[in-house]
């Protein structure tokens, strides 16, 4: 297999990790003997050094105007502070040449740049959670999906905030070079394996609000620490010293989700981590996460992640011990 090209667009105010995270993933493929990796090139308007939003200075390899992505090229557009005030040189170049790349990839609010250039029209896409509403409002031709950490729609891939770019880059490496290479790179970067694209941008604890009242906060913590316990409404209400009806109403009012939905999210997350670790079998994991049977766990995974626990382990887990 021939060397693949990765072209990274830089600009003042770019988010440094949006750049360096995926670049570290792609460069990691070059460490494998006999494996054709990636030729990585960075460009900026005018070829000038850029100052990232964190104050770091990045020196590009060349001028954006002279870059022509084509077959065999992955064009990577990171996000950053700049996306609040688009520079015509960059959006004009994307409009003219972005669609010529074999794969077009954005990280974080880089998706807004693609949308501004019309490259997401008629496609599904995501971006950082705080910019999803803006994308949906300003670019109605884009089918915005606010929950996934990345979305792949044909040759165009968009990812959520910052570290989600690493997950997307790992998925692209797996597509190019196989699962073992992607997992090895993930471990080298001390990334906890790879998250599937349809995983939510937030964990259950982050996606739900933290309850204001201490008894409800304690119940949230209890659920997280005891996913295999009896987490029915009556049991949780008793722990909060409230009636089941009052508890359900108060929990949803303060967290934004029902107790049942919160419990399901926590249990699926716990099961996912156990599957990734590669230790226990499916039956043991089902019991440990409060599902009781492998079939109940399978239904929860299909509903939440769109794949079975067995398939999830095959794709994202360490070898079963």
Protein backbone atom coordinates (compact mmCIF):
# COMPACT_ATOMS: atom_id res chain seq x y z
CA UNK A 1 0.00 0.00 0.00
CA UNK A 2 1.38 3.43 -0.98
CA UNK A 3 2.02 6.28 1.44
CA UNK A 4 -1.14 8.26 2.19
CA UNK A 5 -1.20 12.04 2.45
CA UNK A 6 -2.65 14.06 5.32
CA UNK A 7 -3.00 17.79 4.72
CA UNK A 8 -3.68 19.87 7.85
CA UNK A 9 -5.03 23.42 7.63
CA UNK A 10 -3.69 25.89 10.21
CA UNK A 11 -4.83 29.42 11.06
CA UNK A 12 -4.51 31.97 13.86
CA UNK A 13 -6.57 30.91 16.88
CA UNK A 14 -6.61 27.23 15.96
CA UNK A 15 -7.10 24.79 18.86
CA UNK A 16 -3.68 23.17 19.30
CA UNK A 17 -4.98 19.76 20.41
CA UNK A 18 -7.32 19.64 17.41
CA UNK A 19 -4.12 19.63 15.36
CA UNK A 20 -1.66 17.64 17.44
CA UNK A 21 -4.07 14.91 18.57
CA UNK A 22 -4.92 13.56 15.10
CA UNK A 23 -1.37 14.24 13.85
CA UNK A 24 0.06 12.05 16.64
CA UNK A 25 -2.34 9.28 15.62
CA UNK A 26 -1.41 9.43 11.94
CA UNK A 27 2.31 9.71 12.66
CA UNK A 28 2.04 6.67 14.94
CA UNK A 29 1.39 4.47 11.92
CA UNK A 30 4.91 5.25 10.68
CA UNK A 31 6.37 3.35 13.64
CA UNK A 32 5.26 0.00 12.25
CA UNK A 33 8.02 -1.77 10.25
CA UNK A 34 6.99 -2.39 6.68
CA UNK A 35 3.78 -0.39 7.00
CA UNK A 36 3.14 2.48 4.60
CA UNK A 37 2.05 5.26 6.89
CA UNK A 38 1.17 8.88 6.26
CA UNK A 39 2.97 11.88 4.80
CA UNK A 40 1.73 14.77 6.95
CA UNK A 41 1.90 18.35 5.69
CA UNK A 42 0.62 21.54 7.34
CA UNK A 43 -0.39 24.72 5.50
CA UNK A 44 -1.68 28.16 6.49
CA UNK A 45 -2.88 31.29 4.69
CA UNK A 46 0.25 32.87 3.27
CA UNK A 47 2.39 30.11 4.78
CA UNK A 48 2.83 32.27 7.88
CA UNK A 49 3.34 30.91 11.42
CA UNK A 50 0.10 30.78 13.38
CA UNK A 51 -0.60 31.38 17.04
CA UNK A 52 -2.92 28.82 18.60
CA UNK A 53 -5.67 29.71 21.05
CA UNK A 54 -3.42 28.52 23.88
CA UNK A 55 -0.54 30.78 22.81
CA UNK A 56 1.64 28.17 21.11
CA UNK A 57 3.14 29.07 17.75
CA UNK A 58 2.95 26.52 14.93
CA UNK A 59 5.15 26.85 11.84
CA UNK A 60 3.45 25.37 8.74
CA UNK A 61 5.19 23.50 5.96
CA UNK A 62 3.74 25.67 3.22
CA UNK A 63 1.20 28.12 1.84
CA UNK A 64 -2.49 27.19 1.78
CA UNK A 65 -2.88 28.78 -1.67
CA UNK A 66 -0.45 26.34 -3.25
CA UNK A 67 -1.98 23.21 -1.69
CA UNK A 68 -4.16 21.01 -3.88
CA UNK A 69 -5.68 18.01 -2.08
CA UNK A 70 -6.68 15.14 -4.31
CA UNK A 71 -6.87 11.35 -4.51
CA UNK A 72 -5.17 9.67 -1.56
CA UNK A 73 -5.31 12.84 0.57
CA UNK A 74 -7.09 13.27 3.88
CA UNK A 75 -7.79 16.97 4.41
CA UNK A 76 -7.97 17.80 8.12
CA UNK A 77 -9.66 21.03 9.25
CA UNK A 78 -9.28 21.70 13.00
CA UNK A 79 -11.42 24.04 15.05
CA UNK A 80 -10.51 27.08 17.04
CA UNK A 81 -11.36 30.58 18.19
CA UNK A 82 -11.07 31.85 14.63
CA UNK A 83 -14.25 30.10 13.54
CA UNK A 84 -16.26 32.90 15.12
CA UNK A 85 -14.96 35.26 12.43
CA UNK A 86 -14.27 33.40 9.19
CA UNK A 87 -11.33 34.51 7.06
CA UNK A 88 -12.28 34.66 3.37
CA UNK A 89 -8.93 33.24 2.21
CA UNK A 90 -9.57 30.06 4.15
CA UNK A 91 -13.25 29.55 3.38
CA UNK A 92 -12.72 30.42 -0.30
CA UNK A 93 -9.93 27.84 -0.53
CA UNK A 94 -12.07 25.20 1.18
CA UNK A 95 -14.96 25.97 -1.15
CA UNK A 96 -12.69 25.60 -4.19
CA UNK A 97 -10.57 22.61 -3.19
CA UNK A 98 -12.00 20.92 -0.10
CA UNK A 99 -14.32 18.66 -2.08
CA UNK A 100 -11.40 17.32 -4.12
CA UNK A 101 -9.84 15.49 -1.16
CA UNK A 102 -10.42 11.76 -0.92
CA UNK A 103 -11.45 12.25 2.71
CA UNK A 104 -12.55 15.51 4.28
CA UNK A 105 -12.25 15.60 8.07
CA UNK A 106 -13.07 18.27 10.63
CA UNK A 107 -12.32 18.38 14.34
CA UNK A 108 -14.44 20.34 16.82
CA UNK A 109 -15.59 23.70 15.41
CA UNK A 110 -13.68 23.01 12.22
CA UNK A 111 -17.07 21.67 11.15
CA UNK A 112 -18.30 25.28 11.05
CA UNK A 113 -15.61 26.08 8.51
CA UNK A 114 -16.76 23.18 6.34
CA UNK A 115 -20.36 24.30 6.71
CA UNK A 116 -19.48 27.89 5.81
CA UNK A 117 -17.81 26.59 2.64
CA UNK A 118 -20.94 24.58 1.76
CA UNK A 119 -19.15 21.28 2.11
CA UNK A 120 -21.65 19.84 4.61
CA UNK A 121 -24.83 20.67 2.70
CA UNK A 122 -27.11 17.63 2.58
CA UNK A 123 -24.88 15.67 4.94
CA UNK A 124 -25.04 14.50 8.54
CA UNK A 125 -22.47 16.21 10.76
CA UNK A 126 -21.51 17.05 14.32
CA UNK A 127 -19.29 19.52 16.10
CA UNK A 128 -18.42 20.53 19.66
CA UNK A 129 -21.56 20.42 21.81
CA UNK A 130 -21.57 24.17 22.40
CA UNK A 131 -21.53 24.89 18.65
CA UNK A 132 -24.19 22.38 17.55
CA UNK A 133 -27.02 24.87 17.99
CA UNK A 134 -25.09 27.48 16.00
CA UNK A 135 -24.42 25.01 13.19
CA UNK A 136 -28.07 23.98 13.02
CA UNK A 137 -29.25 27.61 13.06
CA UNK A 138 -26.76 29.07 10.59
CA UNK A 139 -26.58 26.13 8.18
CA UNK A 140 -30.05 24.61 7.80
CA UNK A 141 -28.88 22.41 4.90
CA UNK A 142 -26.74 20.43 7.37
CA UNK A 143 -28.31 17.56 9.33
CA UNK A 144 -26.70 18.26 12.70
CA UNK A 145 -26.35 15.35 15.14
CA UNK A 146 -25.40 16.84 18.53
CA UNK A 147 -24.80 13.62 20.46
CA UNK A 148 -22.14 11.45 18.70
CA UNK A 149 -18.43 12.05 19.18
CA UNK A 150 -18.00 11.76 15.43
CA UNK A 151 -20.16 11.29 12.35
CA UNK A 152 -19.04 9.74 9.06
CA UNK A 153 -21.12 10.49 5.97
CA UNK A 154 -19.44 9.17 2.84
CA UNK A 155 -16.04 10.84 2.35
CA UNK A 156 -16.84 13.55 4.91
CA UNK A 157 -16.21 12.99 8.62
CA UNK A 158 -16.87 15.48 11.41
CA UNK A 159 -16.00 15.11 15.08
CA UNK A 160 -16.99 16.68 18.37
CA UNK A 161 -14.76 18.68 20.68
CA UNK A 162 -10.99 18.37 20.91
CA UNK A 163 -10.15 14.79 22.00
CA UNK A 164 -12.90 13.36 19.76
CA UNK A 165 -10.54 14.15 16.88
CA UNK A 166 -8.24 11.44 18.24
CA UNK A 167 -11.08 8.91 18.16
CA UNK A 168 -11.93 9.85 14.58
CA UNK A 169 -8.29 9.67 13.49
CA UNK A 170 -8.01 6.20 15.06
CA UNK A 171 -11.09 5.11 13.13
CA UNK A 172 -9.48 6.31 9.89
CA UNK A 173 -6.24 4.48 10.70
CA UNK A 174 -8.26 1.31 11.35
CA UNK A 175 -9.92 1.75 7.97
CA UNK A 176 -6.52 2.11 6.29
CA UNK A 177 -4.36 -0.32 8.23
CA UNK A 178 -6.56 -2.53 10.39
CA UNK A 179 -7.75 -2.82 13.97
CA UNK A 180 -4.49 -4.02 15.52
CA UNK A 181 -2.56 -1.00 14.26
CA UNK A 182 -5.21 1.41 15.54
CA UNK A 183 -5.32 -0.25 18.96
CA UNK A 184 -1.54 -0.24 19.25
CA UNK A 185 -1.43 3.48 18.48
CA UNK A 186 -4.19 4.12 21.02
CA UNK A 187 -2.26 2.29 23.72
CA UNK A 188 0.95 4.12 22.83
CA UNK A 189 -0.88 7.43 23.31
CA UNK A 190 -2.33 6.11 26.59
CA UNK A 191 -5.81 6.56 25.18
CA UNK A 192 -8.31 4.19 26.80
CA UNK A 193 -8.84 2.22 23.61
CA UNK A 194 -11.16 3.79 21.04
CA UNK A 195 -14.64 5.13 21.45
CA UNK A 196 -17.21 4.28 18.78
CA UNK A 197 -18.52 7.20 16.81
CA UNK A 198 -22.05 6.89 18.13
CA UNK A 199 -20.92 7.17 21.73
CA UNK A 200 -22.35 10.31 23.31
CA UNK A 201 -20.15 13.38 23.73
CA UNK A 202 -20.83 13.24 27.48
CA UNK A 203 -20.76 10.45 30.00
CA UNK A 204 -23.97 9.86 31.94
CA UNK A 205 -22.61 11.95 34.78
CA UNK A 206 -21.73 14.87 32.50
CA UNK A 207 -24.74 14.71 30.19
CA UNK A 208 -27.13 14.90 33.14
CA UNK A 209 -27.17 17.89 35.41
CA UNK A 210 -25.95 17.49 38.97
CA UNK A 211 -28.88 17.61 41.35
CA UNK A 212 -29.02 20.61 43.65
CA UNK A 213 -30.33 18.78 46.69
CA UNK A 214 -27.90 16.62 48.60
CA UNK A 215 -30.09 13.47 48.84
CA UNK A 216 -30.50 13.43 45.06
CA UNK A 217 -26.78 14.05 44.50
CA UNK A 218 -26.04 11.15 46.83
CA UNK A 219 -28.37 8.94 44.81
CA UNK A 220 -26.57 9.90 41.59
CA UNK A 221 -23.26 8.93 43.17
CA UNK A 222 -24.72 5.69 44.51
CA UNK A 223 -25.95 4.70 41.04
CA UNK A 224 -22.48 5.31 39.57
CA UNK A 225 -20.74 3.29 42.26
CA UNK A 226 -23.26 0.41 42.36
CA UNK A 227 -24.48 -0.30 38.81
CA UNK A 228 -25.30 -3.91 39.69
CA UNK A 229 -27.53 -3.05 42.66
CA UNK A 230 -31.31 -2.72 42.73
CA UNK A 231 -31.71 0.66 41.03
CA UNK A 232 -35.46 0.65 40.62
CA UNK A 233 -37.37 3.80 41.44
CA UNK A 234 -38.67 2.46 44.77
CA UNK A 235 -35.19 1.48 45.97
CA UNK A 236 -33.67 4.80 44.91
CA UNK A 237 -36.56 6.76 46.42
CA UNK A 238 -36.06 4.97 49.73
CA UNK A 239 -32.38 5.93 49.65
CA UNK A 240 -33.36 9.57 49.11
CA UNK A 241 -36.09 9.26 51.78
CA UNK A 242 -38.77 10.39 49.36
CA UNK A 243 -41.89 8.78 48.00
CA UNK A 244 -41.34 7.10 44.59
CA UNK A 245 -43.59 9.65 42.85
CA UNK A 246 -41.94 12.64 44.50
CA UNK A 247 -38.48 11.18 43.86
CA UNK A 248 -39.13 10.61 40.13
CA UNK A 249 -40.41 14.12 39.63
CA UNK A 250 -37.63 15.75 41.64
CA UNK A 251 -34.89 13.68 40.00
CA UNK A 252 -36.01 14.57 36.48
CA UNK A 253 -36.55 18.22 37.38
CA UNK A 254 -33.01 18.56 38.78
CA UNK A 255 -31.03 16.32 36.39
CA UNK A 256 -32.98 16.66 33.16
CA UNK A 257 -33.47 12.90 32.74
CA UNK A 258 -35.70 10.27 34.32
CA UNK A 259 -34.19 7.95 36.93
CA UNK A 260 -34.60 5.00 34.56
CA UNK A 261 -32.78 6.75 31.72
CA UNK A 262 -29.95 7.82 34.02
CA UNK A 263 -29.55 4.26 35.34
CA UNK A 264 -29.47 2.86 31.81
CA UNK A 265 -26.73 5.27 30.75
CA UNK A 266 -24.60 4.44 33.79
CA UNK A 267 -25.03 0.70 33.31
CA UNK A 268 -24.17 0.79 29.61
CA UNK A 269 -21.07 2.86 30.33
CA UNK A 270 -19.95 0.44 33.02
CA UNK A 271 -20.56 -2.56 30.76
CA UNK A 272 -18.66 -0.87 27.94
CA UNK A 273 -15.61 -0.32 30.17
CA UNK A 274 -15.66 -3.96 31.32
CA UNK A 275 -15.90 -5.16 27.72
CA UNK A 276 -12.98 -2.94 26.73
CA UNK A 277 -10.86 -4.33 29.57
CA UNK A 278 -11.31 -7.83 28.16
CA UNK A 279 -11.67 -9.61 31.52
CA UNK A 280 -15.03 -11.15 32.39
CA UNK A 281 -17.37 -12.94 30.02
CA UNK A 282 -20.64 -11.46 28.75
CA UNK A 283 -22.74 -13.29 31.36
CA UNK A 284 -20.60 -12.01 34.25
CA UNK A 285 -20.66 -8.47 32.88
CA UNK A 286 -24.44 -8.62 32.50
CA UNK A 287 -24.83 -9.49 36.16
CA UNK A 288 -22.23 -6.96 37.32
CA UNK A 289 -24.07 -4.16 35.51
CA UNK A 290 -27.53 -5.07 36.81
CA UNK A 291 -28.92 -6.56 33.61
CA UNK A 292 -29.13 -10.10 34.91
CA UNK A 293 -28.98 -11.84 31.53
CA UNK A 294 -26.86 -11.42 28.39
CA UNK A 295 -30.05 -10.85 26.39
CA UNK A 296 -31.00 -7.84 28.51
CA UNK A 297 -27.49 -6.43 28.07
CA UNK A 298 -27.67 -7.07 24.33
CA UNK A 299 -30.95 -5.15 24.02
CA UNK A 300 -29.51 -2.20 25.97
CA UNK A 301 -26.41 -2.09 23.75
CA UNK A 302 -28.41 -2.29 20.53
CA UNK A 303 -30.65 0.53 21.74
CA UNK A 304 -27.81 2.77 22.96
CA UNK A 305 -24.81 1.96 20.74
CA UNK A 306 -26.38 0.21 17.77
CA UNK A 307 -24.31 -2.96 18.20
CA UNK A 308 -24.23 -6.03 20.40
CA UNK A 309 -21.83 -6.45 23.36
CA UNK A 310 -20.00 -9.17 21.44
CA UNK A 311 -19.46 -6.89 18.44
CA UNK A 312 -18.43 -4.03 20.72
CA UNK A 313 -15.81 -6.19 22.41
CA UNK A 314 -14.51 -7.44 19.06
CA UNK A 315 -14.06 -3.89 17.78
CA UNK A 316 -12.93 -2.01 20.88
CA UNK A 317 -11.75 -4.43 23.54
CA UNK A 318 -8.52 -5.95 24.63
CA UNK A 319 -8.21 -9.69 23.96
CA UNK A 320 -10.43 -11.68 26.32
CA UNK A 321 -8.27 -13.20 29.06
